[in-house]
């Protein structure tokens, strides 16, 4: 079963290991602005690498709003370490070695299997961006079925800033 994230409803549980930041838990030590979670395709994807580098460079813009940022992929620890070193990602917590199928089912993330792209793992996430409010509810989400749309950090911050001023949208039953 494929979940649908609904604004205003509780976010699914999310726990995983990170490089250099230890075990990470969505429900632990939540800052007042909440958490911006990025599910990315992995080290092989140039679009994802560029987006992660921008997030790492702009993490202070999230922090001054009381937001924490975390990114995760289905890559293993060694591949994630290669990404971190190659892109010089210093501040951005990078999650690794997750159960892609379980997380995709819980979070509504699209998966791609057996991609013909060079270096693609057998199974990987497609880009999904989720802002989880400090109260643990979904604030907004962008779940993609292909890697072709990565909003820049300015657009993401503007979306979060604007969404904070309104009641949950997109929560009406289908």
N, C-alpha and C. Protein backbone atom coordinates (compact mmCIF):
# COMPACT_ATOMS: atom_id res chain seq x y z
N UNK A 1 0.84 -1.18 0.00
CA UNK A 1 0.00 0.00 0.00
C UNK A 1 0.88 1.24 0.00
N UNK A 2 0.49 2.22 -0.78
CA UNK A 2 1.25 3.45 -0.92
C UNK A 2 0.56 4.56 -0.13
N UNK A 3 1.24 5.14 0.84
CA UNK A 3 0.68 6.17 1.70
C UNK A 3 0.50 7.47 0.93
N UNK A 4 -0.35 8.31 1.45
CA UNK A 4 -0.51 9.67 0.92
C UNK A 4 -0.30 10.60 2.10
N UNK A 5 0.67 11.48 1.99
CA UNK A 5 0.91 12.46 3.04
C UNK A 5 -0.18 13.52 2.96
N UNK A 6 -0.81 13.79 4.09
CA UNK A 6 -1.91 14.75 4.12
C UNK A 6 -1.54 15.90 5.06
N UNK A 7 -1.51 17.13 4.52
CA UNK A 7 -1.20 18.28 5.37
C UNK A 7 -2.13 18.35 6.59
N UNK A 8 -1.53 18.65 7.73
CA UNK A 8 -2.26 18.74 8.97
C UNK A 8 -2.35 17.43 9.74
N UNK A 9 -2.03 16.32 9.09
CA UNK A 9 -2.04 15.02 9.76
C UNK A 9 -0.63 14.65 10.20
N UNK A 10 -0.51 13.79 11.19
CA UNK A 10 0.83 13.43 11.69
C UNK A 10 1.72 12.79 10.61
N UNK A 11 2.97 13.16 10.65
CA UNK A 11 3.96 12.55 9.76
C UNK A 11 4.27 11.14 10.25
N UNK A 12 4.58 10.24 9.35
CA UNK A 12 5.00 8.90 9.78
C UNK A 12 6.31 8.98 10.59
N UNK A 13 6.57 7.94 11.34
CA UNK A 13 7.84 7.86 12.07
C UNK A 13 8.99 7.85 11.07
N UNK A 14 10.11 8.39 11.50
CA UNK A 14 11.29 8.42 10.63
C UNK A 14 12.54 8.39 11.50
N UNK A 15 13.28 7.29 11.40
CA UNK A 15 14.52 7.11 12.15
C UNK A 15 15.54 6.44 11.24
N UNK A 16 16.78 6.92 11.30
CA UNK A 16 17.83 6.33 10.47
C UNK A 16 19.19 6.80 10.97
N UNK A 17 20.23 6.17 10.47
CA UNK A 17 21.61 6.55 10.78
C UNK A 17 22.09 7.61 9.80
N UNK A 18 22.92 8.52 10.29
CA UNK A 18 23.51 9.55 9.45
C UNK A 18 25.03 9.49 9.53
N UNK A 19 25.66 10.13 8.58
CA UNK A 19 27.12 10.28 8.62
C UNK A 19 27.45 11.45 9.54
N UNK A 20 28.21 11.23 10.54
CA UNK A 20 28.71 12.30 11.40
C UNK A 20 27.70 12.94 12.32
N UNK A 21 26.44 12.53 12.26
CA UNK A 21 25.42 13.12 13.12
C UNK A 21 24.70 12.05 13.95
N UNK A 22 25.16 10.81 13.87
CA UNK A 22 24.58 9.72 14.65
C UNK A 22 23.19 9.32 14.22
N UNK A 23 22.49 8.69 15.13
CA UNK A 23 21.11 8.26 14.87
C UNK A 23 20.23 9.51 14.81
N UNK A 24 19.34 9.51 13.85
CA UNK A 24 18.47 10.66 13.63
C UNK A 24 17.02 10.21 13.77
N UNK A 25 16.21 11.03 14.48
CA UNK A 25 14.81 10.70 14.74
C UNK A 25 13.97 11.95 14.52
N UNK A 26 12.99 11.86 13.64
CA UNK A 26 12.12 12.99 13.33
C UNK A 26 11.45 13.57 14.58
N UNK A 27 11.10 12.71 15.53
CA UNK A 27 10.37 13.14 16.72
C UNK A 27 11.26 13.69 17.83
N UNK A 28 12.59 13.60 17.70
CA UNK A 28 13.51 14.02 18.77
C UNK A 28 14.05 15.42 18.52
N UNK A 29 14.12 16.19 19.58
CA UNK A 29 14.75 17.52 19.56
C UNK A 29 14.28 18.38 18.39
N UNK A 30 12.98 18.48 18.23
CA UNK A 30 12.39 19.23 17.12
C UNK A 30 12.49 20.72 17.40
N UNK A 31 13.07 21.49 16.47
CA UNK A 31 13.15 22.93 16.66
C UNK A 31 11.80 23.59 16.39
N UNK A 32 11.62 24.86 16.77
CA UNK A 32 10.33 25.53 16.65
C UNK A 32 9.79 25.63 15.21
N UNK A 33 10.66 25.63 14.23
CA UNK A 33 10.20 25.72 12.84
C UNK A 33 9.91 24.38 12.20
N UNK A 34 10.26 23.30 12.87
CA UNK A 34 10.03 21.96 12.32
C UNK A 34 11.22 21.44 11.55
N UNK A 35 10.96 20.51 10.64
CA UNK A 35 12.01 19.78 9.94
C UNK A 35 11.71 19.73 8.45
N UNK A 36 12.72 20.00 7.65
CA UNK A 36 12.61 19.84 6.20
C UNK A 36 13.35 18.56 5.84
N UNK A 37 12.60 17.58 5.33
CA UNK A 37 13.15 16.26 5.01
C UNK A 37 13.24 16.12 3.49
N UNK A 38 14.41 15.71 3.02
CA UNK A 38 14.63 15.50 1.59
C UNK A 38 14.97 14.04 1.34
N UNK A 39 14.10 13.35 0.62
CA UNK A 39 14.41 12.00 0.13
C UNK A 39 15.04 12.21 -1.24
N UNK A 40 16.29 11.78 -1.41
CA UNK A 40 16.96 12.00 -2.69
C UNK A 40 17.36 10.68 -3.34
N UNK A 41 17.70 10.75 -4.61
CA UNK A 41 17.94 9.58 -5.43
C UNK A 41 19.23 8.85 -5.08
N UNK A 42 20.20 9.56 -4.56
CA UNK A 42 21.47 8.94 -4.22
C UNK A 42 22.64 9.59 -4.92
N UNK A 43 23.81 9.10 -4.62
CA UNK A 43 25.07 9.67 -5.07
C UNK A 43 25.16 9.74 -6.59
N UNK A 44 24.54 8.83 -7.31
CA UNK A 44 24.69 8.77 -8.77
C UNK A 44 24.01 9.92 -9.50
N UNK A 45 23.05 10.60 -8.87
CA UNK A 45 22.20 11.58 -9.56
C UNK A 45 22.79 12.99 -9.50
N UNK A 46 23.13 13.55 -10.65
CA UNK A 46 23.73 14.89 -10.68
C UNK A 46 22.76 15.96 -10.20
N UNK A 47 21.47 15.80 -10.51
CA UNK A 47 20.49 16.80 -10.07
C UNK A 47 20.38 16.80 -8.55
N UNK A 48 20.35 15.61 -7.98
CA UNK A 48 20.28 15.49 -6.53
C UNK A 48 21.53 16.03 -5.86
N UNK A 49 22.69 15.73 -6.43
CA UNK A 49 23.94 16.25 -5.86
C UNK A 49 23.92 17.77 -5.83
N UNK A 50 23.47 18.40 -6.91
CA UNK A 50 23.41 19.86 -6.96
C UNK A 50 22.45 20.41 -5.91
N UNK A 51 21.30 19.77 -5.77
CA UNK A 51 20.31 20.22 -4.78
C UNK A 51 20.85 20.07 -3.36
N UNK A 52 21.53 18.97 -3.08
CA UNK A 52 22.09 18.77 -1.74
C UNK A 52 23.18 19.78 -1.44
N UNK A 53 24.00 20.09 -2.42
CA UNK A 53 25.06 21.09 -2.21
C UNK A 53 24.44 22.44 -1.87
N UNK A 54 23.37 22.80 -2.59
CA UNK A 54 22.72 24.08 -2.29
C UNK A 54 22.12 24.07 -0.88
N UNK A 55 21.50 22.97 -0.48
CA UNK A 55 20.96 22.88 0.87
C UNK A 55 22.07 23.00 1.92
N UNK A 56 23.19 22.34 1.68
CA UNK A 56 24.32 22.43 2.60
C UNK A 56 24.81 23.88 2.69
N UNK A 57 24.93 24.53 1.55
CA UNK A 57 25.40 25.92 1.53
C UNK A 57 24.42 26.87 2.20
N UNK A 58 23.11 26.57 2.11
CA UNK A 58 22.08 27.49 2.60
C UNK A 58 21.44 27.01 3.91
N UNK A 59 22.05 26.07 4.58
CA UNK A 59 21.43 25.51 5.78
C UNK A 59 21.21 26.58 6.85
N UNK A 60 22.03 27.62 6.86
CA UNK A 60 21.84 28.72 7.80
C UNK A 60 20.54 29.47 7.56
N UNK A 61 20.10 29.56 6.30
CA UNK A 61 18.83 30.22 5.99
C UNK A 61 17.65 29.44 6.57
N UNK A 62 17.79 28.14 6.67
CA UNK A 62 16.76 27.32 7.32
C UNK A 62 16.87 27.49 8.84
N UNK A 63 18.08 27.47 9.35
CA UNK A 63 18.30 27.55 10.80
C UNK A 63 17.77 28.85 11.39
N UNK A 64 17.92 29.97 10.70
CA UNK A 64 17.42 31.24 11.26
C UNK A 64 15.89 31.26 11.33
N UNK A 65 15.24 30.36 10.63
CA UNK A 65 13.79 30.21 10.69
C UNK A 65 13.39 29.13 11.70
N UNK A 66 14.37 28.59 12.40
CA UNK A 66 14.10 27.55 13.38
C UNK A 66 13.84 26.19 12.76
N UNK A 67 14.34 25.97 11.54
CA UNK A 67 14.14 24.71 10.82
C UNK A 67 15.43 23.89 10.82
N UNK A 68 15.27 22.59 10.96
CA UNK A 68 16.41 21.71 10.72
C UNK A 68 16.17 21.03 9.37
N UNK A 69 17.25 20.61 8.75
CA UNK A 69 17.20 19.98 7.43
C UNK A 69 17.93 18.65 7.51
N UNK A 70 17.37 17.64 6.85
CA UNK A 70 18.02 16.34 6.78
C UNK A 70 17.73 15.76 5.40
N UNK A 71 18.68 15.02 4.87
CA UNK A 71 18.51 14.36 3.57
C UNK A 71 18.82 12.89 3.72
N UNK A 72 18.08 12.04 3.01
CA UNK A 72 18.37 10.62 3.08
C UNK A 72 18.11 9.95 1.74
N UNK A 73 18.85 8.88 1.55
CA UNK A 73 18.70 8.07 0.34
C UNK A 73 18.78 6.60 0.75
N UNK A 74 18.58 5.74 -0.22
CA UNK A 74 18.71 4.30 0.03
C UNK A 74 20.14 3.82 -0.14
N UNK A 75 21.07 4.73 -0.44
CA UNK A 75 22.48 4.36 -0.57
C UNK A 75 23.02 3.80 0.75
N UNK A 76 24.05 2.97 0.63
CA UNK A 76 24.70 2.46 1.84
C UNK A 76 25.65 3.51 2.41
N UNK A 77 26.23 3.20 3.55
CA UNK A 77 27.11 4.15 4.24
C UNK A 77 28.30 4.57 3.37
N UNK A 78 28.95 3.62 2.73
CA UNK A 78 30.15 3.93 1.93
C UNK A 78 29.80 4.84 0.74
N UNK A 79 28.69 4.58 0.08
CA UNK A 79 28.29 5.41 -1.06
C UNK A 79 27.90 6.81 -0.59
N UNK A 80 27.23 6.89 0.56
CA UNK A 80 26.85 8.19 1.12
C UNK A 80 28.10 8.96 1.53
N UNK A 81 29.09 8.29 2.07
CA UNK A 81 30.35 8.95 2.44
C UNK A 81 31.05 9.48 1.19
N UNK A 82 31.00 8.75 0.10
CA UNK A 82 31.58 9.21 -1.16
C UNK A 82 30.88 10.48 -1.64
N UNK A 83 29.55 10.51 -1.53
CA UNK A 83 28.78 11.70 -1.88
C UNK A 83 29.18 12.88 -1.00
N UNK A 84 29.23 12.65 0.30
CA UNK A 84 29.56 13.72 1.25
C UNK A 84 30.94 14.30 0.95
N UNK A 85 31.91 13.44 0.72
CA UNK A 85 33.26 13.91 0.44
C UNK A 85 33.36 14.58 -0.92
N UNK A 86 32.78 13.97 -1.93
CA UNK A 86 32.87 14.51 -3.28
C UNK A 86 32.20 15.87 -3.44
N UNK A 87 31.09 16.07 -2.73
CA UNK A 87 30.36 17.33 -2.82
C UNK A 87 30.73 18.30 -1.71
N UNK A 88 31.61 17.87 -0.80
CA UNK A 88 32.02 18.67 0.34
C UNK A 88 30.82 19.15 1.15
N UNK A 89 29.96 18.21 1.48
CA UNK A 89 28.77 18.51 2.28
C UNK A 89 29.19 18.49 3.75
N UNK A 90 29.20 19.63 4.37
CA UNK A 90 29.75 19.78 5.71
C UNK A 90 28.67 19.83 6.79
N UNK A 91 27.60 20.53 6.53
CA UNK A 91 26.57 20.79 7.56
C UNK A 91 25.33 19.90 7.45
N UNK A 92 25.02 19.46 6.26
CA UNK A 92 23.77 18.74 6.01
C UNK A 92 23.85 17.29 6.50
N UNK A 93 22.99 16.90 7.45
CA UNK A 93 22.97 15.50 7.87
C UNK A 93 22.50 14.62 6.72
N UNK A 94 23.25 13.56 6.44
CA UNK A 94 22.93 12.64 5.36
C UNK A 94 22.60 11.27 5.92
N UNK A 95 21.38 10.83 5.70
CA UNK A 95 20.95 9.52 6.12
C UNK A 95 21.30 8.47 5.09
N UNK A 96 21.46 7.24 5.53
CA UNK A 96 21.87 6.16 4.64
C UNK A 96 21.34 4.82 5.14
N UNK A 97 21.48 3.82 4.30
CA UNK A 97 21.20 2.42 4.65
C UNK A 97 19.78 2.20 5.17
N UNK A 98 18.81 2.88 4.57
CA UNK A 98 17.43 2.72 5.01
C UNK A 98 16.74 1.64 4.19
N UNK A 99 15.63 1.15 4.71
CA UNK A 99 14.79 0.19 3.99
C UNK A 99 13.92 1.01 3.04
N UNK A 100 14.33 1.08 1.78
CA UNK A 100 13.67 1.96 0.81
C UNK A 100 12.20 1.60 0.63
N UNK A 101 11.89 0.32 0.57
CA UNK A 101 10.49 -0.08 0.35
C UNK A 101 9.60 0.31 1.53
N UNK A 102 10.08 0.10 2.74
CA UNK A 102 9.29 0.43 3.93
C UNK A 102 9.08 1.94 4.03
N UNK A 103 10.14 2.72 3.81
CA UNK A 103 9.99 4.17 3.88
C UNK A 103 9.12 4.71 2.77
N UNK A 104 9.28 4.17 1.57
CA UNK A 104 8.45 4.61 0.45
C UNK A 104 6.98 4.34 0.72
N UNK A 105 6.68 3.19 1.29
CA UNK A 105 5.29 2.86 1.61
C UNK A 105 4.73 3.78 2.68
N UNK A 106 5.52 4.07 3.71
CA UNK A 106 5.06 4.92 4.81
C UNK A 106 4.93 6.39 4.41
N UNK A 107 5.84 6.86 3.57
CA UNK A 107 5.92 8.28 3.24
C UNK A 107 5.37 8.62 1.85
N UNK A 108 4.95 7.65 1.08
CA UNK A 108 4.41 7.94 -0.25
C UNK A 108 5.46 8.32 -1.27
N UNK A 109 6.69 7.92 -1.04
CA UNK A 109 7.80 8.26 -1.93
C UNK A 109 7.80 7.29 -3.11
N UNK A 110 8.01 7.81 -4.31
CA UNK A 110 8.11 6.94 -5.49
C UNK A 110 9.48 6.26 -5.50
N UNK A 111 9.50 5.02 -5.95
CA UNK A 111 10.73 4.25 -6.09
C UNK A 111 10.97 3.92 -7.56
N UNK A 112 12.24 3.85 -7.92
CA UNK A 112 12.62 3.38 -9.24
C UNK A 112 13.51 2.16 -9.05
N UNK A 113 13.22 1.13 -9.83
CA UNK A 113 14.01 -0.10 -9.79
C UNK A 113 14.68 -0.29 -11.13
N UNK A 114 15.90 -0.79 -11.08
CA UNK A 114 16.63 -1.16 -12.30
C UNK A 114 16.71 0.00 -13.31
N UNK A 115 17.07 1.17 -12.84
CA UNK A 115 17.23 2.32 -13.73
C UNK A 115 18.41 2.09 -14.67
N UNK A 116 18.30 2.52 -15.93
CA UNK A 116 19.41 2.36 -16.87
C UNK A 116 20.53 3.39 -16.68
N UNK A 117 20.37 4.32 -15.74
CA UNK A 117 21.36 5.37 -15.54
C UNK A 117 22.65 4.78 -14.97
N UNK A 118 23.79 5.31 -15.42
CA UNK A 118 25.09 4.86 -14.92
C UNK A 118 25.18 5.04 -13.41
N UNK A 119 25.56 3.99 -12.73
CA UNK A 119 25.79 4.06 -11.29
C UNK A 119 24.54 3.98 -10.44
N UNK A 120 23.37 3.89 -11.05
CA UNK A 120 22.13 3.84 -10.27
C UNK A 120 22.04 2.52 -9.51
N UNK A 121 21.65 2.60 -8.24
CA UNK A 121 21.46 1.36 -7.49
C UNK A 121 20.24 0.61 -8.00
N UNK A 122 20.08 -0.61 -7.58
CA UNK A 122 18.95 -1.43 -8.03
C UNK A 122 17.61 -0.80 -7.65
N UNK A 123 17.58 -0.06 -6.56
CA UNK A 123 16.35 0.57 -6.08
C UNK A 123 16.71 1.91 -5.46
N UNK A 124 15.99 2.96 -5.86
CA UNK A 124 16.26 4.28 -5.26
C UNK A 124 14.99 5.13 -5.20
N UNK A 125 15.01 6.11 -4.29
CA UNK A 125 13.90 7.06 -4.16
C UNK A 125 13.90 8.01 -5.35
N UNK A 126 12.73 8.54 -5.66
CA UNK A 126 12.63 9.71 -6.51
C UNK A 126 12.46 10.90 -5.57
N UNK A 127 12.80 12.11 -6.01
CA UNK A 127 12.83 13.25 -5.10
C UNK A 127 11.49 13.50 -4.39
N UNK A 128 11.57 13.62 -3.09
CA UNK A 128 10.41 13.98 -2.28
C UNK A 128 10.89 14.96 -1.22
N UNK A 129 10.20 16.07 -1.12
CA UNK A 129 10.54 17.14 -0.18
C UNK A 129 9.36 17.33 0.75
N UNK A 130 9.61 17.26 2.06
CA UNK A 130 8.52 17.35 3.03
C UNK A 130 8.92 18.29 4.16
N UNK A 131 8.04 19.25 4.45
CA UNK A 131 8.22 20.07 5.65
C UNK A 131 7.28 19.51 6.70
N UNK A 132 7.85 19.09 7.83
CA UNK A 132 7.07 18.60 8.96
C UNK A 132 7.11 19.70 10.02
N UNK A 133 5.93 20.17 10.41
CA UNK A 133 5.83 21.23 11.41
C UNK A 133 6.37 20.74 12.76
N UNK A 134 6.62 21.68 13.66
CA UNK A 134 7.15 21.33 14.98
C UNK A 134 6.20 20.42 15.76
N UNK A 135 4.90 20.50 15.48
CA UNK A 135 3.94 19.64 16.18
C UNK A 135 3.87 18.23 15.59
N UNK A 136 4.71 17.94 14.57
CA UNK A 136 4.78 16.61 13.99
C UNK A 136 3.82 16.39 12.83
N UNK A 137 3.05 17.41 12.47
CA UNK A 137 2.11 17.28 11.35
C UNK A 137 2.79 17.67 10.04
N UNK A 138 2.30 17.11 8.95
CA UNK A 138 2.79 17.48 7.63
C UNK A 138 2.41 18.94 7.37
N UNK A 139 3.38 19.74 6.98
CA UNK A 139 3.12 21.13 6.63
C UNK A 139 2.91 21.27 5.13
N UNK A 140 3.84 20.72 4.36
CA UNK A 140 3.70 20.67 2.91
C UNK A 140 4.60 19.59 2.37
N UNK A 141 4.28 19.15 1.15
CA UNK A 141 5.11 18.10 0.55
C UNK A 141 5.08 18.20 -0.97
N UNK A 142 6.15 17.71 -1.55
CA UNK A 142 6.30 17.64 -3.00
C UNK A 142 6.89 16.27 -3.29
N UNK A 143 6.06 15.39 -3.83
CA UNK A 143 6.46 14.01 -4.09
C UNK A 143 6.51 13.80 -5.59
N UNK A 144 7.68 13.50 -6.12
CA UNK A 144 7.87 13.41 -7.56
C UNK A 144 8.09 11.97 -8.02
N UNK A 145 7.66 11.71 -9.23
CA UNK A 145 7.84 10.38 -9.79
C UNK A 145 9.05 10.31 -10.71
N UNK A 146 9.72 11.43 -10.91
CA UNK A 146 10.91 11.51 -11.76
C UNK A 146 11.83 12.59 -11.21
N UNK A 147 13.09 12.60 -11.60
CA UNK A 147 14.06 13.51 -10.99
C UNK A 147 14.13 14.91 -11.62
N UNK A 148 13.13 15.31 -12.34
CA UNK A 148 13.26 16.49 -13.18
C UNK A 148 12.90 17.82 -12.55
N UNK A 149 12.38 17.84 -11.34
CA UNK A 149 11.98 19.10 -10.72
C UNK A 149 12.56 19.19 -9.32
N UNK A 150 13.61 19.98 -9.19
CA UNK A 150 14.21 20.24 -7.88
C UNK A 150 14.06 21.72 -7.59
N UNK A 151 13.13 22.13 -6.72
CA UNK A 151 13.04 23.56 -6.41
C UNK A 151 14.30 24.02 -5.69
N UNK A 152 14.71 25.26 -5.98
CA UNK A 152 15.89 25.79 -5.31
C UNK A 152 15.54 26.15 -3.86
N UNK A 153 16.55 26.38 -3.05
CA UNK A 153 16.35 26.65 -1.62
C UNK A 153 15.49 27.89 -1.40
N UNK A 154 15.65 28.90 -2.23
CA UNK A 154 14.85 30.12 -2.08
C UNK A 154 13.36 29.80 -2.25
N UNK A 155 13.02 29.00 -3.25
CA UNK A 155 11.62 28.61 -3.47
C UNK A 155 11.09 27.77 -2.31
N UNK A 156 11.90 26.88 -1.79
CA UNK A 156 11.49 26.04 -0.67
C UNK A 156 11.24 26.90 0.56
N UNK A 157 12.15 27.80 0.87
CA UNK A 157 11.99 28.67 2.03
C UNK A 157 10.76 29.56 1.89
N UNK A 158 10.54 30.10 0.71
CA UNK A 158 9.36 30.93 0.46
C UNK A 158 8.09 30.12 0.67
N UNK A 159 8.08 28.88 0.20
CA UNK A 159 6.91 28.01 0.36
C UNK A 159 6.64 27.73 1.84
N UNK A 160 7.68 27.43 2.59
CA UNK A 160 7.49 27.16 4.02
C UNK A 160 7.04 28.43 4.74
N UNK A 161 7.67 29.56 4.46
CA UNK A 161 7.28 30.83 5.09
C UNK A 161 5.81 31.14 4.84
N UNK A 162 5.38 30.97 3.61
CA UNK A 162 3.99 31.27 3.24
C UNK A 162 3.03 30.26 3.86
N UNK A 163 3.37 29.00 3.82
CA UNK A 163 2.50 27.94 4.33
C UNK A 163 2.27 28.09 5.83
N UNK A 164 3.24 28.60 6.55
CA UNK A 164 3.10 28.77 8.00
C UNK A 164 1.97 29.73 8.37
N UNK A 165 1.60 30.60 7.45
CA UNK A 165 0.58 31.63 7.75
C UNK A 165 -0.84 31.16 7.47
N UNK A 166 -1.02 29.97 6.94
CA UNK A 166 -2.35 29.52 6.54
C UNK A 166 -2.68 28.18 7.18
N UNK A 167 -3.98 27.87 7.28
CA UNK A 167 -4.34 26.52 7.74
C UNK A 167 -3.89 25.49 6.70
N UNK A 168 -3.85 24.25 7.11
CA UNK A 168 -3.41 23.17 6.21
C UNK A 168 -4.23 23.18 4.93
N UNK A 169 -3.52 23.06 3.81
CA UNK A 169 -4.18 22.99 2.51
C UNK A 169 -3.91 21.63 1.89
N UNK A 170 -4.81 21.20 1.03
CA UNK A 170 -4.64 19.91 0.38
C UNK A 170 -5.12 18.75 1.20
N UNK A 171 -5.85 19.02 2.29
CA UNK A 171 -6.27 17.95 3.18
C UNK A 171 -7.70 17.46 2.92
N UNK A 172 -8.38 18.05 1.97
CA UNK A 172 -9.76 17.63 1.69
C UNK A 172 -9.76 16.22 1.11
N UNK A 173 -10.75 15.42 1.46
CA UNK A 173 -10.80 14.06 0.90
C UNK A 173 -11.00 14.09 -0.61
N UNK A 174 -10.44 13.10 -1.28
CA UNK A 174 -10.57 13.02 -2.74
C UNK A 174 -11.94 12.54 -3.14
